[in-house]
Amino acid sequence: MTYYEIFVVPVPRDKLDEYFAVSAQMVPMWKAFGAVSVVETRPENVPTGKVTSFPLAVKCERGELPVFAFMTFRDRAHRDAVIETAMADPAMGALMRQVPMDARRMIFGGFTAEIEA
């Protein structure tokens, strides 16, 4: 079944365009390394909840918004191989250092699809 690598990261509102510009440079690289698909989403309707929410999950500070993204892979082994290759690539590392986000507050995880329709 398909494997999903999902993350949410806080990005300064005034740096969203810069975030997506750098991400757009990374997408063809991820695809070349073997990712089946890459989705980066612009926050539009992400209210801060009282108990839990996307902004609370990544401890968004004033002027920050949560960006939700995911990549798909054939399975977990495929994901592991793609990530290993990407992390070893100096060009990918250089781009990752340019992304305007606080990676310390990023939440991420891998999920295997149980139901796909």
PDB file of N, CA and C in Angstrom:
ATOM      1  N   MET A   1       0.839  -1.198   0.000  1.00  0.00           N
ATOM      2  CA  MET A   1       0.000   0.000   0.000  1.00  0.00           C
ATOM      3  C   MET A   1       0.877   1.252   0.000  1.00  0.00           C
ATOM      4  N   THR A   2       0.315   2.333  -0.445  1.00  0.00           N
ATOM      5  CA  THR A   2       1.020   3.602  -0.520  1.00  0.00           C
ATOM      6  C   THR A   2       1.486   4.045   0.858  1.00  0.00           C
ATOM      7  N   TYR A   3       2.665   4.665   0.881  1.00  0.00           N
ATOM      8  CA  TYR A   3       3.224   5.201   2.126  1.00  0.00           C
ATOM      9  C   TYR A   3       3.242   6.717   2.010  1.00  0.00           C
ATOM     10  N   TYR A   4       2.779   7.398   3.050  1.00  0.00           N
ATOM     11  CA  TYR A   4       2.706   8.854   3.068  1.00  0.00           C
ATOM     12  C   TYR A   4       3.647   9.414   4.125  1.00  0.00           C
ATOM     13  N   GLU A   5       4.490  10.328   3.738  1.00  0.00           N
ATOM     14  CA  GLU A   5       5.335  11.081   4.670  1.00  0.00           C
ATOM     15  C   GLU A   5       4.683  12.456   4.775  1.00  0.00           C
ATOM     16  N   ILE A   6       4.195  12.780   5.973  1.00  0.00           N
ATOM     17  CA  ILE A   6       3.387  13.976   6.172  1.00  0.00           C
ATOM     18  C   ILE A   6       4.093  14.900   7.152  1.00  0.00           C
ATOM     19  N   PHE A   7       4.009  16.201   6.903  1.00  0.00           N
ATOM     20  CA  PHE A   7       4.536  17.133   7.889  1.00  0.00           C
ATOM     21  C   PHE A   7       3.747  18.428   7.923  1.00  0.00           C
ATOM     22  N   VAL A   8       3.813  19.069   9.092  1.00  0.00           N
ATOM     23  CA  VAL A   8       3.253  20.396   9.306  1.00  0.00           C
ATOM     24  C   VAL A   8       4.370  21.218   9.929  1.00  0.00           C
ATOM     25  N   VAL A   9       4.587  22.422   9.405  1.00  0.00           N
ATOM     26  CA  VAL A   9       5.684  23.258   9.871  1.00  0.00           C
ATOM     27  C   VAL A   9       5.228  24.709   9.961  1.00  0.00           C
ATOM     28  N   PRO A  10       5.664  25.435  11.004  1.00  0.00           N
ATOM     29  CA  PRO A  10       5.316  26.854  11.090  1.00  0.00           C
ATOM     30  C   PRO A  10       6.203  27.690  10.166  1.00  0.00           C
ATOM     31  N   VAL A  11       5.563  28.581   9.420  1.00  0.00           N
ATOM     32  CA  VAL A  11       6.279  29.451   8.491  1.00  0.00           C
ATOM     33  C   VAL A  11       5.798  30.886   8.737  1.00  0.00           C
ATOM     34  N   PRO A  12       6.725  31.837   8.815  1.00  0.00           N
ATOM     35  CA  PRO A  12       6.290  33.230   8.942  1.00  0.00           C
ATOM     36  C   PRO A  12       5.396  33.630   7.768  1.00  0.00           C
ATOM     37  N   ARG A  13       4.297  34.283   8.081  1.00  0.00           N
ATOM     38  CA  ARG A  13       3.336  34.698   7.048  1.00  0.00           C
ATOM     39  C   ARG A  13       4.024  35.478   5.930  1.00  0.00           C
ATOM     40  N   ASP A  14       4.942  36.361   6.296  1.00  0.00           N
ATOM     41  CA  ASP A  14       5.604  37.183   5.281  1.00  0.00           C
ATOM     42  C   ASP A  14       6.693  36.432   4.523  1.00  0.00           C
ATOM     43  N   LYS A  15       6.907  35.162   4.860  1.00  0.00           N
ATOM     44  CA  LYS A  15       7.907  34.340   4.166  1.00  0.00           C
ATOM     45  C   LYS A  15       7.263  33.185   3.398  1.00  0.00           C
ATOM     46  N   LEU A  16       5.928  33.162   3.327  1.00  0.00           N
ATOM     47  CA  LEU A  16       5.257  32.057   2.635  1.00  0.00           C
ATOM     48  C   LEU A  16       5.679  31.945   1.175  1.00  0.00           C
ATOM     49  N   ASP A  17       5.730  33.066   0.466  1.00  0.00           N
ATOM     50  CA  ASP A  17       6.124  33.006  -0.946  1.00  0.00           C
ATOM     51  C   ASP A  17       7.548  32.477  -1.097  1.00  0.00           C
ATOM     52  N   GLU A  18       8.431  32.901  -0.208  1.00  0.00           N
ATOM     53  CA  GLU A  18       9.811  32.409  -0.242  1.00  0.00           C
ATOM     54  C   GLU A  18       9.845  30.908   0.059  1.00  0.00           C
ATOM     55  N   TYR A  19       9.058  30.481   1.046  1.00  0.00           N
ATOM     56  CA  TYR A  19       8.976  29.059   1.387  1.00  0.00           C
ATOM     57  C   TYR A  19       8.580  28.241   0.159  1.00  0.00           C
ATOM     58  N   PHE A  20       7.511  28.673  -0.527  1.00  0.00           N
ATOM     59  CA  PHE A  20       7.023  27.913  -1.680  1.00  0.00           C
ATOM     60  C   PHE A  20       7.982  27.997  -2.867  1.00  0.00           C
ATOM     61  N   ALA A  21       8.707  29.100  -3.001  1.00  0.00           N
ATOM     62  CA  ALA A  21       9.695  29.215  -4.081  1.00  0.00           C
ATOM     63  C   ALA A  21      10.820  28.194  -3.884  1.00  0.00           C
ATOM     64  N   VAL A  22      11.294  28.064  -2.655  1.00  0.00           N
ATOM     65  CA  VAL A  22      12.348  27.077  -2.384  1.00  0.00           C
ATOM     66  C   VAL A  22      11.783  25.665  -2.541  1.00  0.00           C
ATOM     67  N   SER A  23      10.583  25.439  -2.014  1.00  0.00           N
ATOM     68  CA  SER A  23       9.953  24.126  -2.148  1.00  0.00           C
ATOM     69  C   SER A  23       9.777  23.738  -3.610  1.00  0.00           C
ATOM     70  N   ALA A  24       9.416  24.711  -4.444  1.00  0.00           N
ATOM     71  CA  ALA A  24       9.229  24.433  -5.872  1.00  0.00           C
ATOM     72  C   ALA A  24      10.534  23.976  -6.523  1.00  0.00           C
ATOM     73  N   GLN A  25      11.656  24.453  -6.016  1.00  0.00           N
ATOM     74  CA  GLN A  25      12.955  23.995  -6.530  1.00  0.00           C
ATOM     75  C   GLN A  25      13.245  22.566  -6.080  1.00  0.00           C
ATOM     76  N   MET A  26      12.721  22.195  -4.913  1.00  0.00           N
ATOM     77  CA  MET A  26      12.988  20.874  -4.369  1.00  0.00           C
ATOM     78  C   MET A  26      12.115  19.783  -4.995  1.00  0.00           C
ATOM     79  N   VAL A  27      10.922  20.134  -5.452  1.00  0.00           N
ATOM     80  CA  VAL A  27       9.990  19.129  -5.971  1.00  0.00           C
ATOM     81  C   VAL A  27      10.598  18.287  -7.091  1.00  0.00           C
ATOM     82  N   PRO A  28      11.206  18.890  -8.123  1.00  0.00           N
ATOM     83  CA  PRO A  28      11.775  18.035  -9.175  1.00  0.00           C
ATOM     84  C   PRO A  28      12.893  17.130  -8.650  1.00  0.00           C
ATOM     85  N   MET A  29      13.591  17.599  -7.625  1.00  0.00           N
ATOM     86  CA  MET A  29      14.637  16.770  -7.031  1.00  0.00           C
ATOM     87  C   MET A  29      14.023  15.569  -6.329  1.00  0.00           C
ATOM     88  N   TRP A  30      12.977  15.822  -5.517  1.00  0.00           N
ATOM     89  CA  TRP A  30      12.297  14.708  -4.833  1.00  0.00           C
ATOM     90  C   TRP A  30      11.786  13.695  -5.849  1.00  0.00           C
ATOM     91  N   LYS A  31      11.208  14.205  -6.948  1.00  0.00           N
ATOM     92  CA  LYS A  31      10.683  13.312  -7.981  1.00  0.00           C
ATOM     93  C   LYS A  31      11.822  12.523  -8.627  1.00  0.00           C
ATOM     94  N   ALA A  32      12.950  13.177  -8.885  1.00  0.00           N
ATOM     95  CA  ALA A  32      14.096  12.488  -9.482  1.00  0.00           C
ATOM     96  C   ALA A  32      14.659  11.427  -8.542  1.00  0.00           C
ATOM     97  N   PHE A  33      14.592  11.677  -7.245  1.00  0.00           N
ATOM     98  CA  PHE A  33      15.067  10.696  -6.268  1.00  0.00           C
ATOM     99  C   PHE A  33      14.083   9.532  -6.137  1.00  0.00           C
ATOM    100  N   GLY A  34      12.835   9.713  -6.629  1.00  0.00           N
ATOM    101  CA  GLY A  34      11.892   8.605  -6.637  1.00  0.00           C
ATOM    102  C   GLY A  34      10.558   8.830  -5.962  1.00  0.00           C
ATOM    103  N   ALA A  35      10.335   9.994  -5.342  1.00  0.00           N
ATOM    104  CA  ALA A  35       9.027  10.248  -4.731  1.00  0.00           C
ATOM    105  C   ALA A  35       7.948  10.139  -5.808  1.00  0.00           C
ATOM    106  N   VAL A  36       6.845   9.491  -5.479  1.00  0.00           N
ATOM    107  CA  VAL A  36       5.741   9.348  -6.426  1.00  0.00           C
ATOM    108  C   VAL A  36       5.046  10.687  -6.630  1.00  0.00           C
ATOM    109  N   SER A  37       4.807  11.413  -5.525  1.00  0.00           N
ATOM    110  CA  SER A  37       4.196  12.733  -5.627  1.00  0.00           C
ATOM    111  C   SER A  37       4.621  13.580  -4.427  1.00  0.00           C
ATOM    112  N   VAL A  38       4.516  14.883  -4.627  1.00  0.00           N
ATOM    113  CA  VAL A  38       4.834  15.856  -3.580  1.00  0.00           C
ATOM    114  C   VAL A  38       3.713  16.882  -3.576  1.00  0.00           C
ATOM    115  N   VAL A  39       3.162  17.156  -2.397  1.00  0.00           N
ATOM    116  CA  VAL A  39       2.098  18.148  -2.259  1.00  0.00           C
ATOM    117  C   VAL A  39       2.496  19.120  -1.153  1.00  0.00           C
ATOM    118  N   GLU A  40       2.498  20.393  -1.470  1.00  0.00           N
ATOM    119  CA  GLU A  40       2.744  21.459  -0.502  1.00  0.00           C
ATOM    120  C   GLU A  40       1.494  22.331  -0.517  1.00  0.00           C
ATOM    121  N   THR A  41       0.930  22.639   0.629  1.00  0.00           N
ATOM    122  CA  THR A  41      -0.317  23.392   0.667  1.00  0.00           C
ATOM    123  C   THR A  41      -0.149  24.736   1.359  1.00  0.00           C
ATOM    124  N   ARG A  42      -0.818  25.738   0.798  1.00  0.00           N
ATOM    125  CA  ARG A  42      -0.822  27.084   1.379  1.00  0.00           C
ATOM    126  C   ARG A  42      -1.959  27.151   2.403  1.00  0.00           C
ATOM    127  N   PRO A  43      -1.670  27.578   3.620  1.00  0.00           N
ATOM    128  CA  PRO A  43      -2.714  27.647   4.638  1.00  0.00           C
ATOM    129  C   PRO A  43      -3.791  28.667   4.259  1.00  0.00           C
ATOM    130  N   GLU A  44      -5.032  28.252   4.386  1.00  0.00           N
ATOM    131  CA  GLU A  44      -6.137  29.124   4.019  1.00  0.00           C
ATOM    132  C   GLU A  44      -7.186  29.202   5.130  1.00  0.00           C
ATOM    133  N   ASN A  45      -7.560  28.047   5.664  1.00  0.00           N
ATOM    134  CA  ASN A  45      -8.599  28.000   6.694  1.00  0.00           C
ATOM    135  C   ASN A  45      -8.073  27.141   7.836  1.00  0.00           C
ATOM    136  N   VAL A  46      -7.205  27.714   8.649  1.00  0.00           N
ATOM    137  CA  VAL A  46      -6.555  26.968   9.732  1.00  0.00           C
ATOM    138  C   VAL A  46      -6.706  27.717  11.061  1.00  0.00           C
ATOM    139  N   PRO A  47      -7.922  27.700  11.602  1.00  0.00           N
ATOM    140  CA  PRO A  47      -8.145  28.425  12.855  1.00  0.00           C
ATOM    141  C   PRO A  47      -7.370  27.805  14.012  1.00  0.00           C
ATOM    142  N   THR A  48      -7.027  28.645  14.958  1.00  0.00           N
ATOM    143  CA  THR A  48      -6.374  28.166  16.171  1.00  0.00           C
ATOM    144  C   THR A  48      -7.453  27.685  17.125  1.00  0.00           C
ATOM    145  N   GLY A  49      -7.361  26.436  17.529  1.00  0.00           N
ATOM    146  CA  GLY A  49      -8.346  25.868  18.434  1.00  0.00           C
ATOM    147  C   GLY A  49      -8.020  26.173  19.890  1.00  0.00           C
ATOM    148  N   LYS A  50      -8.902  25.763  20.758  1.00  0.00           N
ATOM    149  CA  LYS A  50      -8.677  25.941  22.198  1.00  0.00           C
ATOM    150  C   LYS A  50      -7.939  24.746  22.790  1.00  0.00           C
ATOM    151  N   VAL A  51      -8.154  23.559  22.220  1.00  0.00           N
ATOM    152  CA  VAL A  51      -7.517  22.343  22.735  1.00  0.00           C
ATOM    153  C   VAL A  51      -6.459  21.830  21.768  1.00  0.00           C
ATOM    154  N   THR A  52      -6.816  21.773  20.479  1.00  0.00           N
ATOM    155  CA  THR A  52      -5.867  21.299  19.475  1.00  0.00           C
ATOM    156  C   THR A  52      -6.205  21.912  18.119  1.00  0.00           C
ATOM    157  N   SER A  53      -5.206  22.036  17.282  1.00  0.00           N
ATOM    158  CA  SER A  53      -5.368  22.576  15.937  1.00  0.00           C
ATOM    159  C   SER A  53      -4.011  22.504  15.254  1.00  0.00           C
ATOM    160  N   PHE A  54      -3.987  22.783  13.961  1.00  0.00           N
ATOM    161  CA  PHE A  54      -2.707  22.820  13.261  1.00  0.00           C
ATOM    162  C   PHE A  54      -1.781  23.896  13.844  1.00  0.00           C
ATOM    163  N   PRO A  55      -2.270  25.138  14.060  1.00  0.00           N
ATOM    164  CA  PRO A  55      -1.372  26.140  14.642  1.00  0.00           C
ATOM    165  C   PRO A  55      -0.843  25.745  16.020  1.00  0.00           C
ATOM    166  N   LEU A  56      -1.685  25.150  16.841  1.00  0.00           N
ATOM    167  CA  LEU A  56      -1.230  24.722  18.170  1.00  0.00           C
ATOM    168  C   LEU A  56      -0.240  23.567  18.082  1.00  0.00           C
ATOM    169  N   ALA A  57      -0.455  22.690  17.123  1.00  0.00           N
ATOM    170  CA  ALA A  57       0.403  21.500  17.007  1.00  0.00           C
ATOM    171  C   ALA A  57       1.860  21.869  16.769  1.00  0.00           C
ATOM    172  N   VAL A  58       2.087  22.969  16.034  1.00  0.00           N
ATOM    173  CA  VAL A  58       3.463  23.388  15.750  1.00  0.00           C
ATOM    174  C   VAL A  58       3.823  24.680  16.484  1.00  0.00           C
ATOM    175  N   LYS A  59       2.999  25.023  17.471  1.00  0.00           N
ATOM    176  CA  LYS A  59       3.251  26.192  18.322  1.00  0.00           C
ATOM    177  C   LYS A  59       3.498  27.460  17.510  1.00  0.00           C
ATOM    178  N   CYS A  60       2.585  27.705  16.553  1.00  0.00           N
ATOM    179  CA  CYS A  60       2.714  28.914  15.748  1.00  0.00           C
ATOM    180  C   CYS A  60       2.776  30.138  16.652  1.00  0.00           C
ATOM    181  N   GLU A  61       3.708  30.995  16.334  1.00  0.00           N
ATOM    182  CA  GLU A  61       3.845  32.255  17.045  1.00  0.00           C
ATOM    183  C   GLU A  61       3.143  33.340  16.251  1.00  0.00           C
ATOM    184  N   ARG A  62       3.026  34.522  16.826  1.00  0.00           N
ATOM    185  CA  ARG A  62       2.378  35.635  16.142  1.00  0.00           C
ATOM    186  C   ARG A  62       3.038  35.819  14.766  1.00  0.00           C
ATOM    187  N   GLY A  63       2.215  35.901  13.722  1.00  0.00           N
ATOM    188  CA  GLY A  63       2.724  36.115  12.377  1.00  0.00           C
ATOM    189  C   GLY A  63       3.138  34.845  11.647  1.00  0.00           C
ATOM    190  N   GLU A  64       2.886  33.679  12.242  1.00  0.00           N
ATOM    191  CA  GLU A  64       3.223  32.410  11.587  1.00  0.00           C
ATOM    192  C   GLU A  64       1.960  31.654  11.210  1.00  0.00           C
ATOM    193  N   LEU A  65       2.084  30.848  10.179  1.00  0.00           N
ATOM    194  CA  LEU A  65       1.000  29.975   9.739  1.00  0.00           C
ATOM    195  C   LEU A  65       1.546  28.565   9.559  1.00  0.00           C
ATOM    196  N   PRO A  66       0.701  27.550   9.758  1.00  0.00           N
ATOM    197  CA  PRO A  66       1.157  26.172   9.551  1.00  0.00           C
ATOM    198  C   PRO A  66       1.023  25.764   8.089  1.00  0.00           C
ATOM    199  N   VAL A  67       2.092  25.221   7.529  1.00  0.00           N
ATOM    200  CA  VAL A  67       2.055  24.668   6.181  1.00  0.00           C
ATOM    201  C   VAL A  67       1.973  23.152   6.314  1.00  0.00           C
ATOM    202  N   PHE A  68       1.052  22.563   5.589  1.00  0.00           N
ATOM    203  CA  PHE A  68       0.843  21.117   5.583  1.00  0.00           C
ATOM    204  C   PHE A  68       1.358  20.587   4.250  1.00  0.00           C
ATOM    205  N   ALA A  69       2.123  19.511   4.306  1.00  0.00           N
ATOM    206  CA  ALA A  69       2.667  18.930   3.077  1.00  0.00           C
ATOM    207  C   ALA A  69       2.777  17.414   3.234  1.00  0.00           C
ATOM    208  N   PHE A  70       2.833  16.743   2.093  1.00  0.00           N
ATOM    209  CA  PHE A  70       3.079  15.302   2.143  1.00  0.00           C
ATOM    210  C   PHE A  70       3.683  14.821   0.844  1.00  0.00           C
ATOM    211  N   MET A  71       4.381  13.716   0.958  1.00  0.00           N
ATOM    212  CA  MET A  71       4.940  13.030  -0.203  1.00  0.00           C
ATOM    213  C   MET A  71       4.417  11.602  -0.182  1.00  0.00           C
ATOM    214  N   THR A  72       4.269  11.026  -1.354  1.00  0.00           N
ATOM    215  CA  THR A  72       3.830   9.639  -1.428  1.00  0.00           C
ATOM    216  C   THR A  72       4.949   8.783  -2.007  1.00  0.00           C
ATOM    217  N   PHE A  73       4.966   7.550  -1.521  1.00  0.00           N
ATOM    218  CA  PHE A  73       5.954   6.559  -1.933  1.00  0.00           C
ATOM    219  C   PHE A  73       5.236   5.240  -2.145  1.00  0.00           C
ATOM    220  N   ARG A  74       5.869   4.323  -2.855  1.00  0.00           N
ATOM    221  CA  ARG A  74       5.240   3.017  -3.107  1.00  0.00           C
ATOM    222  C   ARG A  74       4.990   2.264  -1.801  1.00  0.00           C
ATOM    223  N   ASP A  75       5.957   2.328  -0.891  1.00  0.00           N
ATOM    224  CA  ASP A  75       5.847   1.648   0.399  1.00  0.00           C
ATOM    225  C   ASP A  75       6.936   2.211   1.315  1.00  0.00           C
ATOM    226  N   ARG A  76       7.038   1.707   2.523  1.00  0.00           N
ATOM    227  CA  ARG A  76       8.008   2.231   3.497  1.00  0.00           C
ATOM    228  C   ARG A  76       9.449   2.025   3.026  1.00  0.00           C
ATOM    229  N   ALA A  77       9.766   0.889   2.460  1.00  0.00           N
ATOM    230  CA  ALA A  77      11.128   0.638   1.996  1.00  0.00           C
ATOM    231  C   ALA A  77      11.505   1.636   0.892  1.00  0.00           C
ATOM    232  N   HIS A  78      10.566   1.903   0.003  1.00  0.00           N
ATOM    233  CA  HIS A  78      10.799   2.885  -1.059  1.00  0.00           C
ATOM    234  C   HIS A  78      11.040   4.262  -0.449  1.00  0.00           C
ATOM    235  N   ARG A  79      10.240   4.652   0.526  1.00  0.00           N
ATOM    236  CA  ARG A  79      10.417   5.935   1.214  1.00  0.00           C
ATOM    237  C   ARG A  79      11.804   6.020   1.820  1.00  0.00           C
ATOM    238  N   ASP A  80      12.206   4.982   2.541  1.00  0.00           N
ATOM    239  CA  ASP A  80      13.509   4.993   3.208  1.00  0.00           C
ATOM    240  C   ASP A  80      14.645   5.167   2.203  1.00  0.00           C
ATOM    241  N   ALA A  81      14.561   4.499   1.068  1.00  0.00           N
ATOM    242  CA  ALA A  81      15.601   4.605   0.040  1.00  0.00           C
ATOM    243  C   ALA A  81      15.639   6.008  -0.560  1.00  0.00           C
ATOM    244  N   VAL A  82      14.478   6.583  -0.833  1.00  0.00           N
ATOM    245  CA  VAL A  82      14.419   7.927  -1.405  1.00  0.00           C
ATOM    246  C   VAL A  82      14.971   8.950  -0.420  1.00  0.00           C
ATOM    247  N   ILE A  83      14.560   8.871   0.833  1.00  0.00           N
ATOM    248  CA  ILE A  83      15.035   9.826   1.847  1.00  0.00           C
ATOM    249  C   ILE A  83      16.549   9.716   2.015  1.00  0.00           C
ATOM    250  N   GLU A  84      17.059   8.505   2.054  1.00  0.00           N
ATOM    251  CA  GLU A  84      18.505   8.308   2.204  1.00  0.00           C
ATOM    252  C   GLU A  84      19.265   8.961   1.050  1.00  0.00           C
ATOM    253  N   THR A  85      18.782   8.761  -0.165  1.00  0.00           N
ATOM    254  CA  THR A  85      19.423   9.352  -1.338  1.00  0.00           C
ATOM    255  C   THR A  85      19.338  10.874  -1.286  1.00  0.00           C
ATOM    256  N   ALA A  86      18.168  11.399  -0.954  1.00  0.00           N
ATOM    257  CA  ALA A  86      17.977  12.853  -0.908  1.00  0.00           C
ATOM    258  C   ALA A  86      18.864  13.495   0.156  1.00  0.00           C
ATOM    259  N   MET A  87      18.953  12.884   1.323  1.00  0.00           N
ATOM    260  CA  MET A  87      19.734  13.467   2.413  1.00  0.00           C
ATOM    261  C   MET A  87      21.234  13.442   2.116  1.00  0.00           C
ATOM    262  N   ALA A  88      21.659  12.571   1.239  1.00  0.00           N
ATOM    263  CA  ALA A  88      23.076  12.488   0.869  1.00  0.00           C
ATOM    264  C   ALA A  88      23.444  13.474  -0.241  1.00  0.00           C
ATOM    265  N   ASP A  89      22.446  14.106  -0.844  1.00  0.00           N
ATOM    266  CA  ASP A  89      22.698  15.009  -1.957  1.00  0.00           C
ATOM    267  C   ASP A  89      23.003  16.415  -1.450  1.00  0.00           C
ATOM    268  N   PRO A  90      24.195  16.955  -1.742  1.00  0.00           N
ATOM    269  CA  PRO A  90      24.561  18.285  -1.253  1.00  0.00           C
ATOM    270  C   PRO A  90      23.624  19.401  -1.743  1.00  0.00           C
ATOM    271  N   ALA A  91      23.123  19.289  -2.972  1.00  0.00           N
ATOM    272  CA  ALA A  91      22.221  20.321  -3.499  1.00  0.00           C
ATOM    273  C   ALA A  91      20.913  20.337  -2.714  1.00  0.00           C
ATOM    274  N   MET A  92      20.399  19.165  -2.361  1.00  0.00           N
ATOM    275  CA  MET A  92      19.176  19.102  -1.561  1.00  0.00           C
ATOM    276  C   MET A  92      19.433  19.694  -0.172  1.00  0.00           C
ATOM    277  N   GLY A  93      20.553  19.353   0.416  1.00  0.00           N
ATOM    278  CA  GLY A  93      20.899  19.902   1.726  1.00  0.00           C
ATOM    279  C   GLY A  93      20.991  21.418   1.694  1.00  0.00           C
ATOM    280  N   ALA A  94      21.580  21.970   0.643  1.00  0.00           N
ATOM    281  CA  ALA A  94      21.693  23.418   0.516  1.00  0.00           C
ATOM    282  C   ALA A  94      20.318  24.076   0.429  1.00  0.00           C
ATOM    283  N   LEU A  95      19.416  23.472  -0.339  1.00  0.00           N
ATOM    284  CA  LEU A  95      18.055  24.018  -0.431  1.00  0.00           C
ATOM    285  C   LEU A  95      17.323  23.906   0.899  1.00  0.00           C
ATOM    286  N   MET A  96      17.474  22.791   1.585  1.00  0.00           N
ATOM    287  CA  MET A  96      16.784  22.614   2.875  1.00  0.00           C
ATOM    288  C   MET A  96      17.199  23.691   3.878  1.00  0.00           C
ATOM    289  N   ARG A  97      18.441  24.115   3.802  1.00  0.00           N
ATOM    290  CA  ARG A  97      18.907  25.164   4.713  1.00  0.00           C
ATOM    291  C   ARG A  97      18.336  26.530   4.355  1.00  0.00           C
ATOM    292  N   GLN A  98      17.801  26.691   3.152  1.00  0.00           N
ATOM    293  CA  GLN A  98      17.232  27.971   2.717  1.00  0.00           C
ATOM    294  C   GLN A  98      15.752  28.122   3.061  1.00  0.00           C
ATOM    295  N   VAL A  99      15.081  27.040   3.401  1.00  0.00           N
ATOM    296  CA  VAL A  99      13.642  27.083   3.644  1.00  0.00           C
ATOM    297  C   VAL A  99      13.370  27.907   4.906  1.00  0.00           C
ATOM    298  N   PRO A 100      12.570  28.987   4.786  1.00  0.00           N
ATOM    299  CA  PRO A 100      12.296  29.830   5.946  1.00  0.00           C
ATOM    300  C   PRO A 100      11.229  29.213   6.849  1.00  0.00           C
ATOM    301  N   MET A 101      11.676  28.391   7.772  1.00  0.00           N
ATOM    302  CA  MET A 101      10.756  27.715   8.694  1.00  0.00           C
ATOM    303  C   MET A 101      11.524  27.369   9.955  1.00  0.00           C
ATOM    304  N   ASP A 102      10.789  27.088  11.013  1.00  0.00           N
ATOM    305  CA  ASP A 102      11.419  26.640  12.249  1.00  0.00           C
ATOM    306  C   ASP A 102      11.242  25.125  12.328  1.00  0.00           C
ATOM    307  N   ALA A 103      12.234  24.396  11.842  1.00  0.00           N
ATOM    308  CA  ALA A 103      12.151  22.936  11.773  1.00  0.00           C
ATOM    309  C   ALA A 103      12.084  22.294  13.159  1.00  0.00           C
ATOM    310  N   ARG A 104      12.490  23.017  14.203  1.00  0.00           N
ATOM    311  CA  ARG A 104      12.414  22.456  15.566  1.00  0.00           C
ATOM    312  C   ARG A 104      10.973  22.206  15.983  1.00  0.00           C
ATOM    313  N   ARG A 105      10.038  22.981  15.407  1.00  0.00           N
ATOM    314  CA  ARG A 105       8.628  22.834  15.767  1.00  0.00           C
ATOM    315  C   ARG A 105       7.830  22.058  14.725  1.00  0.00           C
ATOM    316  N   MET A 106       8.507  21.526  13.736  1.00  0.00           N
ATOM    317  CA  MET A 106       7.844  20.734  12.706  1.00  0.00           C
ATOM    318  C   MET A 106       7.359  19.419  13.309  1.00  0.00           C
ATOM    319  N   ILE A 107       6.172  18.999  12.915  1.00  0.00           N
ATOM    320  CA  ILE A 107       5.720  17.658  13.254  1.00  0.00           C
ATOM    321  C   ILE A 107       5.682  16.864  11.959  1.00  0.00           C
ATOM    322  N   PHE A 108       6.032  15.598  12.053  1.00  0.00           N
ATOM    323  CA  PHE A 108       6.068  14.781  10.849  1.00  0.00           C
ATOM    324  C   PHE A 108       5.866  13.327  11.234  1.00  0.00           C
ATOM    325  N   GLY A 109       5.550  12.541  10.249  1.00  0.00           N
ATOM    326  CA  GLY A 109       5.388  11.116  10.480  1.00  0.00           C
ATOM    327  C   GLY A 109       5.082  10.405   9.181  1.00  0.00           C
ATOM    328  N   GLY A 110       5.248   9.109   9.228  1.00  0.00           N
ATOM    329  CA  GLY A 110       4.974   8.268   8.084  1.00  0.00           C
ATOM    330  C   GLY A 110       3.759   7.403   8.349  1.00  0.00           C
ATOM    331  N   PHE A 111       2.948   7.242   7.328  1.00  0.00           N
ATOM    332  CA  PHE A 111       1.697   6.514   7.466  1.00  0.00           C
ATOM    333  C   PHE A 111       1.505   5.576   6.280  1.00  0.00           C
ATOM    334  N   THR A 112       1.105   4.358   6.555  1.00  0.00           N
ATOM    335  CA  THR A 112       0.765   3.406   5.501  1.00  0.00           C
ATOM    336  C   THR A 112      -0.748   3.460   5.285  1.00  0.00           C
ATOM    337  N   ALA A 113      -1.143   3.535   4.030  1.00  0.00           N
ATOM    338  CA  ALA A 113      -2.567   3.604   3.714  1.00  0.00           C
ATOM    339  C   ALA A 113      -3.251   2.299   4.088  1.00  0.00           C
ATOM    340  N   GLU A 114      -4.361   2.406   4.746  1.00  0.00           N
ATOM    341  CA  GLU A 114      -5.214   1.249   5.033  1.00  0.00           C
ATOM    342  C   GLU A 114      -6.361   1.195   4.042  1.00  0.00           C
ATOM    343  N   ILE A 115      -6.857   2.369   3.698  1.00  0.00           N
ATOM    344  CA  ILE A 115      -7.961   2.461   2.739  1.00  0.00           C
ATOM    345  C   ILE A 115      -7.577   3.518   1.721  1.00  0.00           C
ATOM    346  N   GLU A 116      -7.640   3.171   0.451  1.00  0.00           N
ATOM    347  CA  GLU A 116      -7.453   4.127  -0.624  1.00  0.00           C
ATOM    348  C   GLU A 116      -8.604   3.939  -1.597  1.00  0.00           C
ATOM    349  N   ALA A 117      -9.243   5.014  -1.954  1.00  0.00           N
ATOM    350  CA  ALA A 117     -10.405   4.915  -2.848  1.00  0.00           C
ATOM    351  C   ALA A 117     -10.213   5.811  -4.053  1.00  0.00           C
TER     352      ALA A 117
END
